Amino acid sequence: MILRAAESHLTLMLITLAILIGSVGIMTHQIGFLASSHQMNFIPAEVNLEDDIAILLAAYGVFLEHHRYLLDMIYKDGLLPAIEAFDDYSHQFGVLMIPVAFLFVALDLLILALST
């Protein structure tokens, strides 16, 4: 049952949408907050939130990238063309999420460099 829920197109799209909207929303708010108050001493503690978001994005990107292994466990006889096309799309999107996580970490390091 858990494998079927993780395989569902709707479930993957909703989780991906929630992660992207949440991450981008938190990151834009945090970047604005950190840029406006970079002279204060609490910056390293605040940057931990962005690191956690970057780890979440990278881990979910790796999951989407290797989604094929999950599908191979469910469909032992082979994939339908529609499922295989969606898997290719999720693979490409997962690969895209990993550099976005690196971008978040790079922004954190930039703000840390500006605050010292």
PDB file of N, CA and C in Angstrom:
ATOM      1  N   MET A   1       0.820  -1.191   0.000  1.00  0.00           N
ATOM      2  CA  MET A   1       0.000   0.000   0.000  1.00  0.00           C
ATOM      3  C   MET A   1       0.865   1.256   0.000  1.00  0.00           C
ATOM      4  N   ILE A   2       1.937   1.255   0.777  1.00  0.00           N
ATOM      5  CA  ILE A   2       2.823   2.420   0.814  1.00  0.00           C
ATOM      6  C   ILE A   2       3.511   2.600  -0.530  1.00  0.00           C
ATOM      7  N   LEU A   3       3.890   1.476  -1.163  1.00  0.00           N
ATOM      8  CA  LEU A   3       4.524   1.573  -2.472  1.00  0.00           C
ATOM      9  C   LEU A   3       3.557   2.142  -3.501  1.00  0.00           C
ATOM     10  N   ARG A   4       2.316   1.718  -3.449  1.00  0.00           N
ATOM     11  CA  ARG A   4       1.317   2.244  -4.389  1.00  0.00           C
ATOM     12  C   ARG A   4       1.069   3.729  -4.180  1.00  0.00           C
ATOM     13  N   ALA A   5       1.075   4.174  -2.928  1.00  0.00           N
ATOM     14  CA  ALA A   5       0.882   5.600  -2.651  1.00  0.00           C
ATOM     15  C   ALA A   5       2.071   6.411  -3.149  1.00  0.00           C
ATOM     16  N   ALA A   6       3.285   5.874  -3.008  1.00  0.00           N
ATOM     17  CA  ALA A   6       4.481   6.570  -3.482  1.00  0.00           C
ATOM     18  C   ALA A   6       4.574   6.542  -5.002  1.00  0.00           C
ATOM     19  N   GLU A   7       3.889   5.589  -5.629  1.00  0.00           N
ATOM     20  CA  GLU A   7       3.926   5.476  -7.086  1.00  0.00           C
ATOM     21  C   GLU A   7       2.897   6.367  -7.753  1.00  0.00           C
ATOM     22  N   SER A   8       1.884   6.773  -7.040  1.00  0.00           N
ATOM     23  CA  SER A   8       0.780   7.526  -7.601  1.00  0.00           C
ATOM     24  C   SER A   8       1.245   8.869  -8.162  1.00  0.00           C
ATOM     25  N   HIS A   9       0.785   9.181  -9.370  1.00  0.00           N
ATOM     26  CA  HIS A   9       1.140  10.453 -10.010  1.00  0.00           C
ATOM     27  C   HIS A   9       0.653  11.630  -9.185  1.00  0.00           C
ATOM     28  N   LEU A  10      -0.576  11.551  -8.724  1.00  0.00           N
ATOM     29  CA  LEU A  10      -1.164  12.656  -7.964  1.00  0.00           C
ATOM     30  C   LEU A  10      -0.410  12.883  -6.661  1.00  0.00           C
ATOM     31  N   THR A  11      -0.061  11.811  -5.965  1.00  0.00           N
ATOM     32  CA  THR A  11       0.669  11.945  -4.715  1.00  0.00           C
ATOM     33  C   THR A  11       2.024  12.599  -4.941  1.00  0.00           C
ATOM     34  N   LEU A  12       2.745  12.141  -5.949  1.00  0.00           N
ATOM     35  CA  LEU A  12       4.062  12.722  -6.236  1.00  0.00           C
ATOM     36  C   LEU A  12       3.954  14.186  -6.634  1.00  0.00           C
ATOM     37  N   MET A  13       2.953  14.527  -7.426  1.00  0.00           N
ATOM     38  CA  MET A  13       2.804  15.921  -7.839  1.00  0.00           C
ATOM     39  C   MET A  13       2.433  16.818  -6.661  1.00  0.00           C
ATOM     40  N   LEU A  14       1.546  16.340  -5.784  1.00  0.00           N
ATOM     41  CA  LEU A  14       1.158  17.147  -4.626  1.00  0.00           C
ATOM     42  C   LEU A  14       2.313  17.332  -3.655  1.00  0.00           C
ATOM     43  N   ILE A  15       3.068  16.272  -3.400  1.00  0.00           N
ATOM     44  CA  ILE A  15       4.223  16.379  -2.504  1.00  0.00           C
ATOM     45  C   ILE A  15       5.269  17.310  -3.098  1.00  0.00           C
ATOM     46  N   THR A  16       5.531  17.168  -4.381  1.00  0.00           N
ATOM     47  CA  THR A  16       6.514  18.031  -5.043  1.00  0.00           C
ATOM     48  C   THR A  16       6.074  19.489  -5.007  1.00  0.00           C
ATOM     49  N   LEU A  17       4.823  19.732  -5.299  1.00  0.00           N
ATOM     50  CA  LEU A  17       4.299  21.095  -5.267  1.00  0.00           C
ATOM     51  C   LEU A  17       4.382  21.687  -3.861  1.00  0.00           C
ATOM     52  N   ALA A  18       4.035  20.899  -2.853  1.00  0.00           N
ATOM     53  CA  ALA A  18       4.091  21.388  -1.474  1.00  0.00           C
ATOM     54  C   ALA A  18       5.529  21.690  -1.061  1.00  0.00           C
ATOM     55  N   ILE A  19       6.450  20.817  -1.432  1.00  0.00           N
ATOM     56  CA  ILE A  19       7.854  21.041  -1.074  1.00  0.00           C
ATOM     57  C   ILE A  19       8.398  22.274  -1.781  1.00  0.00           C
ATOM     58  N   LEU A  20       8.089  22.437  -3.053  1.00  0.00           N
ATOM     59  CA  LEU A  20       8.604  23.594  -3.788  1.00  0.00           C
ATOM     60  C   LEU A  20       8.006  24.903  -3.286  1.00  0.00           C
ATOM     61  N   ILE A  21       6.698  24.939  -3.098  1.00  0.00           N
ATOM     62  CA  ILE A  21       6.071  26.182  -2.628  1.00  0.00           C
ATOM     63  C   ILE A  21       6.555  26.518  -1.222  1.00  0.00           C
ATOM     64  N   GLY A  22       6.613  25.516  -0.359  1.00  0.00           N
ATOM     65  CA  GLY A  22       7.093  25.752   0.994  1.00  0.00           C
ATOM     66  C   GLY A  22       8.540  26.192   1.036  1.00  0.00           C
ATOM     67  N   SER A  23       9.395  25.532   0.276  1.00  0.00           N
ATOM     68  CA  SER A  23      10.823  25.869   0.274  1.00  0.00           C
ATOM     69  C   SER A  23      11.075  27.253  -0.286  1.00  0.00           C
ATOM     70  N   VAL A  24      10.464  27.543  -1.401  1.00  0.00           N
ATOM     71  CA  VAL A  24      10.676  28.849  -2.017  1.00  0.00           C
ATOM     72  C   VAL A  24      10.102  29.956  -1.138  1.00  0.00           C
ATOM     73  N   GLY A  25       8.943  29.711  -0.547  1.00  0.00           N
ATOM     74  CA  GLY A  25       8.357  30.712   0.342  1.00  0.00           C
ATOM     75  C   GLY A  25       9.221  30.984   1.560  1.00  0.00           C
ATOM     76  N   ILE A  26       9.687  29.919   2.200  1.00  0.00           N
ATOM     77  CA  ILE A  26      10.547  30.085   3.376  1.00  0.00           C
ATOM     78  C   ILE A  26      11.869  30.723   2.987  1.00  0.00           C
ATOM     79  N   MET A  27      12.446  30.285   1.885  1.00  0.00           N
ATOM     80  CA  MET A  27      13.753  30.818   1.480  1.00  0.00           C
ATOM     81  C   MET A  27      13.662  32.292   1.095  1.00  0.00           C
ATOM     82  N   THR A  28      12.634  32.707   0.392  1.00  0.00           N
ATOM     83  CA  THR A  28      12.535  34.127   0.037  1.00  0.00           C
ATOM     84  C   THR A  28      12.344  34.982   1.284  1.00  0.00           C
ATOM     85  N   HIS A  29      11.550  34.496   2.217  1.00  0.00           N
ATOM     86  CA  HIS A  29      11.374  35.242   3.464  1.00  0.00           C
ATOM     87  C   HIS A  29      12.678  35.286   4.251  1.00  0.00           C
ATOM     88  N   GLN A  30      13.365  34.157   4.357  1.00  0.00           N
ATOM     89  CA  GLN A  30      14.603  34.093   5.134  1.00  0.00           C
ATOM     90  C   GLN A  30      15.725  34.920   4.498  1.00  0.00           C
ATOM     91  N   ILE A  31      15.837  34.864   3.182  1.00  0.00           N
ATOM     92  CA  ILE A  31      16.894  35.630   2.504  1.00  0.00           C
ATOM     93  C   ILE A  31      16.661  37.123   2.718  1.00  0.00           C
ATOM     94  N   GLY A  32      15.424  37.567   2.596  1.00  0.00           N
ATOM     95  CA  GLY A  32      15.123  38.981   2.865  1.00  0.00           C
ATOM     96  C   GLY A  32      15.407  39.358   4.299  1.00  0.00           C
ATOM     97  N   PHE A  33      15.038  38.482   5.227  1.00  0.00           N
ATOM     98  CA  PHE A  33      15.282  38.746   6.645  1.00  0.00           C
ATOM     99  C   PHE A  33      16.773  38.781   6.951  1.00  0.00           C
ATOM    100  N   LEU A  34      17.514  37.814   6.426  1.00  0.00           N
ATOM    101  CA  LEU A  34      18.953  37.764   6.698  1.00  0.00           C
ATOM    102  C   LEU A  34      19.699  38.923   6.030  1.00  0.00           C
ATOM    103  N   ALA A  35      19.258  39.306   4.850  1.00  0.00           N
ATOM    104  CA  ALA A  35      19.912  40.429   4.167  1.00  0.00           C
ATOM    105  C   ALA A  35      19.667  41.741   4.892  1.00  0.00           C
ATOM    106  N   SER A  36      18.489  41.900   5.492  1.00  0.00           N
ATOM    107  CA  SER A  36      18.198  43.152   6.183  1.00  0.00           C
ATOM    108  C   SER A  36      18.825  43.225   7.570  1.00  0.00           C
ATOM    109  N   SER A  37      19.177  42.093   8.153  1.00  0.00           N
ATOM    110  CA  SER A  37      19.735  42.103   9.509  1.00  0.00           C
ATOM    111  C   SER A  37      21.066  41.363   9.571  1.00  0.00           C
ATOM    112  N   HIS A  38      21.905  41.568   8.560  1.00  0.00           N
ATOM    113  CA  HIS A  38      23.165  40.824   8.515  1.00  0.00           C
ATOM    114  C   HIS A  38      24.198  41.329   9.516  1.00  0.00           C
ATOM    115  N   GLN A  39      23.978  42.459  10.185  1.00  0.00           N
ATOM    116  CA  GLN A  39      24.941  42.960  11.161  1.00  0.00           C
ATOM    117  C   GLN A  39      24.784  42.290  12.527  1.00  0.00           C
ATOM    118  N   MET A  40      23.702  41.588  12.754  1.00  0.00           N
ATOM    119  CA  MET A  40      23.450  41.002  14.069  1.00  0.00           C
ATOM    120  C   MET A  40      24.221  39.693  14.238  1.00  0.00           C
ATOM    121  N   ASN A  41      24.270  39.191  15.479  1.00  0.00           N
ATOM    122  CA  ASN A  41      25.085  38.027  15.800  1.00  0.00           C
ATOM    123  C   ASN A  41      24.382  36.686  15.662  1.00  0.00           C
ATOM    124  N   PHE A  42      23.105  36.643  15.374  1.00  0.00           N
ATOM    125  CA  PHE A  42      22.380  35.375  15.371  1.00  0.00           C
ATOM    126  C   PHE A  42      22.330  34.726  13.990  1.00  0.00           C
ATOM    127  N   ILE A  43      23.040  35.252  13.039  1.00  0.00           N
ATOM    128  CA  ILE A  43      22.984  34.744  11.664  1.00  0.00           C
ATOM    129  C   ILE A  43      23.335  33.250  11.574  1.00  0.00           C
ATOM    130  N   PRO A  44      24.419  32.756  12.191  1.00  0.00           N
ATOM    131  CA  PRO A  44      24.714  31.321  12.037  1.00  0.00           C
ATOM    132  C   PRO A  44      23.597  30.407  12.537  1.00  0.00           C
ATOM    133  N   ALA A  45      22.886  30.803  13.572  1.00  0.00           N
ATOM    134  CA  ALA A  45      21.771  29.981  14.055  1.00  0.00           C
ATOM    135  C   ALA A  45      20.602  30.001  13.074  1.00  0.00           C
ATOM    136  N   GLU A  46      20.363  31.123  12.435  1.00  0.00           N
ATOM    137  CA  GLU A  46      19.265  31.230  11.474  1.00  0.00           C
ATOM    138  C   GLU A  46      19.559  30.463  10.186  1.00  0.00           C
ATOM    139  N   VAL A  47      20.816  30.344   9.824  1.00  0.00           N
ATOM    140  CA  VAL A  47      21.174  29.681   8.575  1.00  0.00           C
ATOM    141  C   VAL A  47      20.903  28.180   8.654  1.00  0.00           C
ATOM    142  N   ASN A  48      20.804  27.622   9.843  1.00  0.00           N
ATOM    143  CA  ASN A  48      20.505  26.198   9.977  1.00  0.00           C
ATOM    144  C   ASN A  48      19.170  25.841   9.345  1.00  0.00           C
ATOM    145  N   LEU A  49      18.211  26.740   9.355  1.00  0.00           N
ATOM    146  CA  LEU A  49      16.925  26.478   8.717  1.00  0.00           C
ATOM    147  C   LEU A  49      17.101  26.284   7.213  1.00  0.00           C
ATOM    148  N   GLU A  50      17.896  27.129   6.581  1.00  0.00           N
ATOM    149  CA  GLU A  50      18.134  26.982   5.146  1.00  0.00           C
ATOM    150  C   GLU A  50      18.883  25.697   4.828  1.00  0.00           C
ATOM    151  N   ASP A  51      19.797  25.296   5.708  1.00  0.00           N
ATOM    152  CA  ASP A  51      20.506  24.040   5.490  1.00  0.00           C
ATOM    153  C   ASP A  51      19.546  22.854   5.543  1.00  0.00           C
ATOM    154  N   ASP A  52      18.597  22.896   6.464  1.00  0.00           N
ATOM    155  CA  ASP A  52      17.606  21.827   6.548  1.00  0.00           C
ATOM    156  C   ASP A  52      16.718  21.786   5.304  1.00  0.00           C
ATOM    157  N   ILE A  53      16.359  22.949   4.797  1.00  0.00           N
ATOM    158  CA  ILE A  53      15.554  23.003   3.581  1.00  0.00           C
ATOM    159  C   ILE A  53      16.346  22.458   2.395  1.00  0.00           C
ATOM    160  N   ALA A  54      17.617  22.792   2.310  1.00  0.00           N
ATOM    161  CA  ALA A  54      18.459  22.286   1.221  1.00  0.00           C
ATOM    162  C   ALA A  54      18.597  20.771   1.291  1.00  0.00           C
ATOM    163  N   ILE A  55      18.722  20.241   2.495  1.00  0.00           N
ATOM    164  CA  ILE A  55      18.812  18.780   2.649  1.00  0.00           C
ATOM    165  C   ILE A  55      17.505  18.124   2.222  1.00  0.00           C
ATOM    166  N   LEU A  56      16.377  18.720   2.594  1.00  0.00           N
ATOM    167  CA  LEU A  56      15.077  18.196   2.181  1.00  0.00           C
ATOM    168  C   LEU A  56      14.944  18.191   0.663  1.00  0.00           C
ATOM    169  N   LEU A  57      15.310  19.284   0.027  1.00  0.00           N
ATOM    170  CA  LEU A  57      15.213  19.357  -1.436  1.00  0.00           C
ATOM    171  C   LEU A  57      16.122  18.343  -2.115  1.00  0.00           C
ATOM    172  N   ALA A  58      17.354  18.223  -1.634  1.00  0.00           N
ATOM    173  CA  ALA A  58      18.289  17.284  -2.250  1.00  0.00           C
ATOM    174  C   ALA A  58      17.824  15.842  -2.047  1.00  0.00           C
ATOM    175  N   ALA A  59      17.339  15.524  -0.859  1.00  0.00           N
ATOM    176  CA  ALA A  59      16.881  14.154  -0.602  1.00  0.00           C
ATOM    177  C   ALA A  59      15.656  13.818  -1.450  1.00  0.00           C
ATOM    178  N   TYR A  60      14.724  14.745  -1.568  1.00  0.00           N
ATOM    179  CA  TYR A  60      13.550  14.485  -2.397  1.00  0.00           C
ATOM    180  C   TYR A  60      13.932  14.424  -3.878  1.00  0.00           C
ATOM    181  N   GLY A  61      14.908  15.230  -4.276  1.00  0.00           N
ATOM    182  CA  GLY A  61      15.395  15.149  -5.649  1.00  0.00           C
ATOM    183  C   GLY A  61      16.011  13.799  -5.956  1.00  0.00           C
ATOM    184  N   VAL A  62      16.764  13.246  -5.009  1.00  0.00           N
ATOM    185  CA  VAL A  62      17.350  11.914  -5.212  1.00  0.00           C
ATOM    186  C   VAL A  62      16.241  10.864  -5.266  1.00  0.00           C
ATOM    187  N   PHE A  63      15.209  11.017  -4.420  1.00  0.00           N
ATOM    188  CA  PHE A  63      14.083  10.087  -4.482  1.00  0.00           C
ATOM    189  C   PHE A  63      13.419  10.119  -5.854  1.00  0.00           C
ATOM    190  N   LEU A  64      13.161  11.313  -6.375  1.00  0.00           N
ATOM    191  CA  LEU A  64      12.533  11.412  -7.698  1.00  0.00           C
ATOM    192  C   LEU A  64      13.449  10.883  -8.788  1.00  0.00           C
ATOM    193  N   GLU A  65      14.736  11.108  -8.614  1.00  0.00           N
ATOM    194  CA  GLU A  65      15.687  10.633  -9.614  1.00  0.00           C
ATOM    195  C   GLU A  65      15.710   9.108  -9.683  1.00  0.00           C
ATOM    196  N   HIS A  66      15.572   8.457  -8.551  1.00  0.00           N
ATOM    197  CA  HIS A  66      15.615   6.993  -8.495  1.00  0.00           C
ATOM    198  C   HIS A  66      14.222   6.388  -8.321  1.00  0.00           C
ATOM    199  N   HIS A  67      13.223   7.079  -8.784  1.00  0.00           N
ATOM    200  CA  HIS A  67      11.842   6.616  -8.696  1.00  0.00           C
ATOM    201  C   HIS A  67      11.636   5.334  -9.490  1.00  0.00           C
ATOM    202  N   ARG A  68      12.475   5.101 -10.463  1.00  0.00           N
ATOM    203  CA  ARG A  68      12.358   3.916 -11.323  1.00  0.00           C
ATOM    204  C   ARG A  68      12.500   2.620 -10.524  1.00  0.00           C
ATOM    205  N   TYR A  69      13.374   2.623  -9.508  1.00  0.00           N
ATOM    206  CA  TYR A  69      13.551   1.419  -8.692  1.00  0.00           C
ATOM    207  C   TYR A  69      12.254   1.055  -7.979  1.00  0.00           C
ATOM    208  N   LEU A  70      11.529   2.041  -7.503  1.00  0.00           N
ATOM    209  CA  LEU A  70      10.250   1.805  -6.856  1.00  0.00           C
ATOM    210  C   LEU A  70       9.243   1.241  -7.857  1.00  0.00           C
ATOM    211  N   LEU A  71       9.225   1.796  -9.045  1.00  0.00           N
ATOM    212  CA  LEU A  71       8.295   1.308 -10.066  1.00  0.00           C
ATOM    213  C   LEU A  71       8.636  -0.104 -10.498  1.00  0.00           C
ATOM    214  N   ASP A  72       9.909  -0.435 -10.558  1.00  0.00           N
ATOM    215  CA  ASP A  72      10.298  -1.794 -10.923  1.00  0.00           C
ATOM    216  C   ASP A  72       9.874  -2.810  -9.866  1.00  0.00           C
ATOM    217  N   MET A  73       9.826  -2.381  -8.594  1.00  0.00           N
ATOM    218  CA  MET A  73       9.347  -3.274  -7.544  1.00  0.00           C
ATOM    219  C   MET A  73       7.841  -3.498  -7.653  1.00  0.00           C
ATOM    220  N   ILE A  74       7.104  -2.488  -8.097  1.00  0.00           N
ATOM    221  CA  ILE A  74       5.643  -2.603  -8.196  1.00  0.00           C
ATOM    222  C   ILE A  74       5.244  -3.337  -9.474  1.00  0.00           C
ATOM    223  N   TYR A  75       5.790  -2.918 -10.597  1.00  0.00           N
ATOM    224  CA  TYR A  75       5.431  -3.484 -11.901  1.00  0.00           C
ATOM    225  C   TYR A  75       6.534  -4.440 -12.340  1.00  0.00           C
ATOM    226  N   LYS A  76       6.396  -5.684 -11.979  1.00  0.00           N
ATOM    227  CA  LYS A  76       7.433  -6.670 -12.299  1.00  0.00           C
ATOM    228  C   LYS A  76       7.398  -7.087 -13.772  1.00  0.00           C
ATOM    229  N   ASP A  77       6.254  -6.924 -14.429  1.00  0.00           N
ATOM    230  CA  ASP A  77       6.124  -7.325 -15.830  1.00  0.00           C
ATOM    231  C   ASP A  77       6.563  -6.253 -16.808  1.00  0.00           C
ATOM    232  N   GLY A  78       6.863  -5.081 -16.352  1.00  0.00           N
ATOM    233  CA  GLY A  78       7.246  -3.982 -17.226  1.00  0.00           C
ATOM    234  C   GLY A  78       6.318  -2.792 -17.021  1.00  0.00           C
ATOM    235  N   LEU A  79       6.776  -1.638 -17.442  1.00  0.00           N
ATOM    236  CA  LEU A  79       6.020  -0.404 -17.249  1.00  0.00           C
ATOM    237  C   LEU A  79       5.161  -0.097 -18.462  1.00  0.00           C
ATOM    238  N   LEU A  80       4.012   0.489 -18.201  1.00  0.00           N
ATOM    239  CA  LEU A  80       3.174   1.006 -19.279  1.00  0.00           C
ATOM    240  C   LEU A  80       3.839   2.261 -19.844  1.00  0.00           C
ATOM    241  N   PRO A  81       3.585   2.610 -21.099  1.00  0.00           N
ATOM    242  CA  PRO A  81       4.229   3.797 -21.680  1.00  0.00           C
ATOM    243  C   PRO A  81       3.924   5.093 -20.929  1.00  0.00           C
ATOM    244  N   ALA A  82       2.702   5.242 -20.430  1.00  0.00           N
ATOM    245  CA  ALA A  82       2.356   6.466 -19.700  1.00  0.00           C
ATOM    246  C   ALA A  82       3.121   6.551 -18.387  1.00  0.00           C
ATOM    247  N   ILE A  83       3.276   5.426 -17.713  1.00  0.00           N
ATOM    248  CA  ILE A  83       4.021   5.407 -16.452  1.00  0.00           C
ATOM    249  C   ILE A  83       5.502   5.648 -16.715  1.00  0.00           C
ATOM    250  N   GLU A  84       6.006   5.095 -17.786  1.00  0.00           N
ATOM    251  CA  GLU A  84       7.418   5.305 -18.116  1.00  0.00           C
ATOM    252  C   GLU A  84       7.688   6.764 -18.490  1.00  0.00           C
ATOM    253  N   ALA A  85       6.767   7.408 -19.180  1.00  0.00           N
ATOM    254  CA  ALA A  85       6.931   8.824 -19.519  1.00  0.00           C
ATOM    255  C   ALA A  85       6.909   9.683 -18.262  1.00  0.00           C
ATOM    256  N   PHE A  86       6.003   9.368 -17.342  1.00  0.00           N
ATOM    257  CA  PHE A  86       5.964  10.118 -16.085  1.00  0.00           C
ATOM    258  C   PHE A  86       7.234   9.876 -15.277  1.00  0.00           C
ATOM    259  N   ASP A  87       7.758   8.659 -15.308  1.00  0.00           N
ATOM    260  CA  ASP A  87       9.000   8.368 -14.597  1.00  0.00           C
ATOM    261  C   ASP A  87      10.166   9.149 -15.189  1.00  0.00           C
ATOM    262  N   ASP A  88      10.213   9.280 -16.490  1.00  0.00           N
ATOM    263  CA  ASP A  88      11.272  10.088 -17.118  1.00  0.00           C
ATOM    264  C   ASP A  88      11.157  11.551 -16.690  1.00  0.00           C
ATOM    265  N   TYR A  89       9.937  12.050 -16.627  1.00  0.00           N
ATOM    266  CA  TYR A  89       9.715  13.426 -16.192  1.00  0.00           C
ATOM    267  C   TYR A  89      10.125  13.612 -14.733  1.00  0.00           C
ATOM    268  N   SER A  90       9.765  12.661 -13.872  1.00  0.00           N
ATOM    269  CA  SER A  90      10.138  12.779 -12.461  1.00  0.00           C
ATOM    270  C   SER A  90      11.653  12.654 -12.294  1.00  0.00           C
ATOM    271  N   HIS A  91      12.306  11.852 -13.124  1.00  0.00           N
ATOM    272  CA  HIS A  91      13.766  11.749 -13.077  1.00  0.00           C
ATOM    273  C   HIS A  91      14.406  13.094 -13.410  1.00  0.00           C
ATOM    274  N   GLN A  92      13.937  13.737 -14.474  1.00  0.00           N
ATOM    275  CA  GLN A  92      14.488  15.029 -14.863  1.00  0.00           C
ATOM    276  C   GLN A  92      14.220  16.092 -13.802  1.00  0.00           C
ATOM    277  N   PHE A  93      13.049  16.070 -13.205  1.00  0.00           N
ATOM    278  CA  PHE A  93      12.724  17.041 -12.170  1.00  0.00           C
ATOM    279  C   PHE A  93      13.550  16.805 -10.913  1.00  0.00           C
ATOM    280  N   GLY A  94      13.793  15.533 -10.583  1.00  0.00           N
ATOM    281  CA  GLY A  94      14.643  15.213  -9.437  1.00  0.00           C
ATOM    282  C   GLY A  94      16.064  15.688  -9.631  1.00  0.00           C
ATOM    283  N   VAL A  95      16.570  15.535 -10.840  1.00  0.00           N
ATOM    284  CA  VAL A  95      17.912  16.028 -11.147  1.00  0.00           C
ATOM    285  C   VAL A  95      17.952  17.549 -11.040  1.00  0.00           C
ATOM    286  N   LEU A  96      16.875  18.225 -11.391  1.00  0.00           N
ATOM    287  CA  LEU A  96      16.804  19.679 -11.295  1.00  0.00           C
ATOM    288  C   LEU A  96      16.760  20.162  -9.845  1.00  0.00           C
ATOM    289  N   MET A  97      16.142  19.385  -8.951  1.00  0.00           N
ATOM    290  CA  MET A  97      16.015  19.814  -7.562  1.00  0.00           C
ATOM    291  C   MET A  97      17.352  19.789  -6.819  1.00  0.00           C
ATOM    292  N   ILE A  98      18.275  18.961  -7.234  1.00  0.00           N
ATOM    293  CA  ILE A  98      19.570  18.884  -6.547  1.00  0.00           C
ATOM    294  C   ILE A  98      20.377  20.169  -6.729  1.00  0.00           C
ATOM    295  N   PRO A  99      20.518  20.733  -7.935  1.00  0.00           N
ATOM    296  CA  PRO A  99      21.206  22.026  -8.041  1.00  0.00           C
ATOM    297  C   PRO A  99      20.477  23.172  -7.335  1.00  0.00           C
ATOM    298  N   VAL A 100      19.150  23.095  -7.245  1.00  0.00           N
ATOM    299  CA  VAL A 100      18.417  24.119  -6.494  1.00  0.00           C
ATOM    300  C   VAL A 100      18.817  24.063  -5.022  1.00  0.00           C
ATOM    301  N   ALA A 101      18.993  22.862  -4.489  1.00  0.00           N
ATOM    302  CA  ALA A 101      19.453  22.721  -3.103  1.00  0.00           C
ATOM    303  C   ALA A 101      20.859  23.294  -2.951  1.00  0.00           C
ATOM    304  N   PHE A 102      21.712  23.065  -3.938  1.00  0.00           N
ATOM    305  CA  PHE A 102      23.055  23.644  -3.894  1.00  0.00           C
ATOM    306  C   PHE A 102      22.997  25.169  -3.945  1.00  0.00           C
ATOM    307  N   LEU A 103      22.050  25.707  -4.706  1.00  0.00           N
ATOM    308  CA  LEU A 103      21.878  27.155  -4.767  1.00  0.00           C
ATOM    309  C   LEU A 103      21.475  27.711  -3.407  1.00  0.00           C
ATOM    310  N   PHE A 104      20.597  27.018  -2.700  1.00  0.00           N
ATOM    311  CA  PHE A 104      20.213  27.457  -1.356  1.00  0.00           C
ATOM    312  C   PHE A 104      21.415  27.474  -0.424  1.00  0.00           C
ATOM    313  N   VAL A 105      22.254  26.443  -0.498  1.00  0.00           N
ATOM    314  CA  VAL A 105      23.444  26.398   0.354  1.00  0.00           C
ATOM    315  C   VAL A 105      24.411  27.519  -0.025  1.00  0.00           C
ATOM    316  N   ALA A 106      24.537  27.788  -1.320  1.00  0.00           N
ATOM    317  CA  ALA A 106      25.427  28.872  -1.757  1.00  0.00           C
ATOM    318  C   ALA A 106      24.927  30.227  -1.254  1.00  0.00           C
ATOM    319  N   LEU A 107      23.624  30.441  -1.261  1.00  0.00           N
ATOM    320  CA  LEU A 107      23.074  31.688  -0.715  1.00  0.00           C
ATOM    321  C   LEU A 107      23.344  31.800   0.787  1.00  0.00           C
ATOM    322  N   ASP A 108      23.242  30.669   1.490  1.00  0.00           N
ATOM    323  CA  ASP A 108      23.561  30.675   2.915  1.00  0.00           C
ATOM    324  C   ASP A 108      25.013  31.066   3.157  1.00  0.00           C
ATOM    325  N   LEU A 109      25.891  30.482   2.371  1.00  0.00           N
ATOM    326  CA  LEU A 109      27.319  30.809   2.537  1.00  0.00           C
ATOM    327  C   LEU A 109      27.606  32.258   2.179  1.00  0.00           C
ATOM    328  N   LEU A 110      26.907  32.796   1.192  1.00  0.00           N
ATOM    329  CA  LEU A 110      27.088  34.190   0.849  1.00  0.00           C
ATOM    330  C   LEU A 110      26.648  35.107   1.987  1.00  0.00           C
ATOM    331  N   ILE A 111      25.514  34.791   2.587  1.00  0.00           N
ATOM    332  CA  ILE A 111      25.040  35.614   3.703  1.00  0.00           C
ATOM    333  C   ILE A 111      25.954  35.485   4.901  1.00  0.00           C
ATOM    334  N   LEU A 112      26.455  34.264   5.162  1.00  0.00           N
ATOM    335  CA  LEU A 112      27.411  34.103   6.245  1.00  0.00           C
ATOM    336  C   LEU A 112      28.696  34.890   5.977  1.00  0.00           C
ATOM    337  N   ALA A 113      29.133  34.922   4.729  1.00  0.00           N
ATOM    338  CA  ALA A 113      30.341  35.678   4.392  1.00  0.00           C
ATOM    339  C   ALA A 113      30.117  37.179   4.557  1.00  0.00           C
ATOM    340  N   LEU A 114      28.927  37.651   4.227  1.00  0.00           N
ATOM    341  CA  LEU A 114      28.629  39.077   4.379  1.00  0.00           C
ATOM    342  C   LEU A 114      28.481  39.475   5.843  1.00  0.00           C
ATOM    343  N   SER A 115      28.093  38.544   6.704  1.00  0.00           N
ATOM    344  CA  SER A 115      27.844  38.909   8.098  1.00  0.00           C
ATOM    345  C   SER A 115      29.114  38.950   8.934  1.00  0.00           C
ATOM    346  N   THR A 116      30.221  38.404   8.420  1.00  0.00           N
ATOM    347  CA  THR A 116      31.457  38.416   9.232  1.00  0.00           C
ATOM    348  C   THR A 116      32.309  39.598   8.922  1.00  0.00           C
TER     349      THR A 116
END
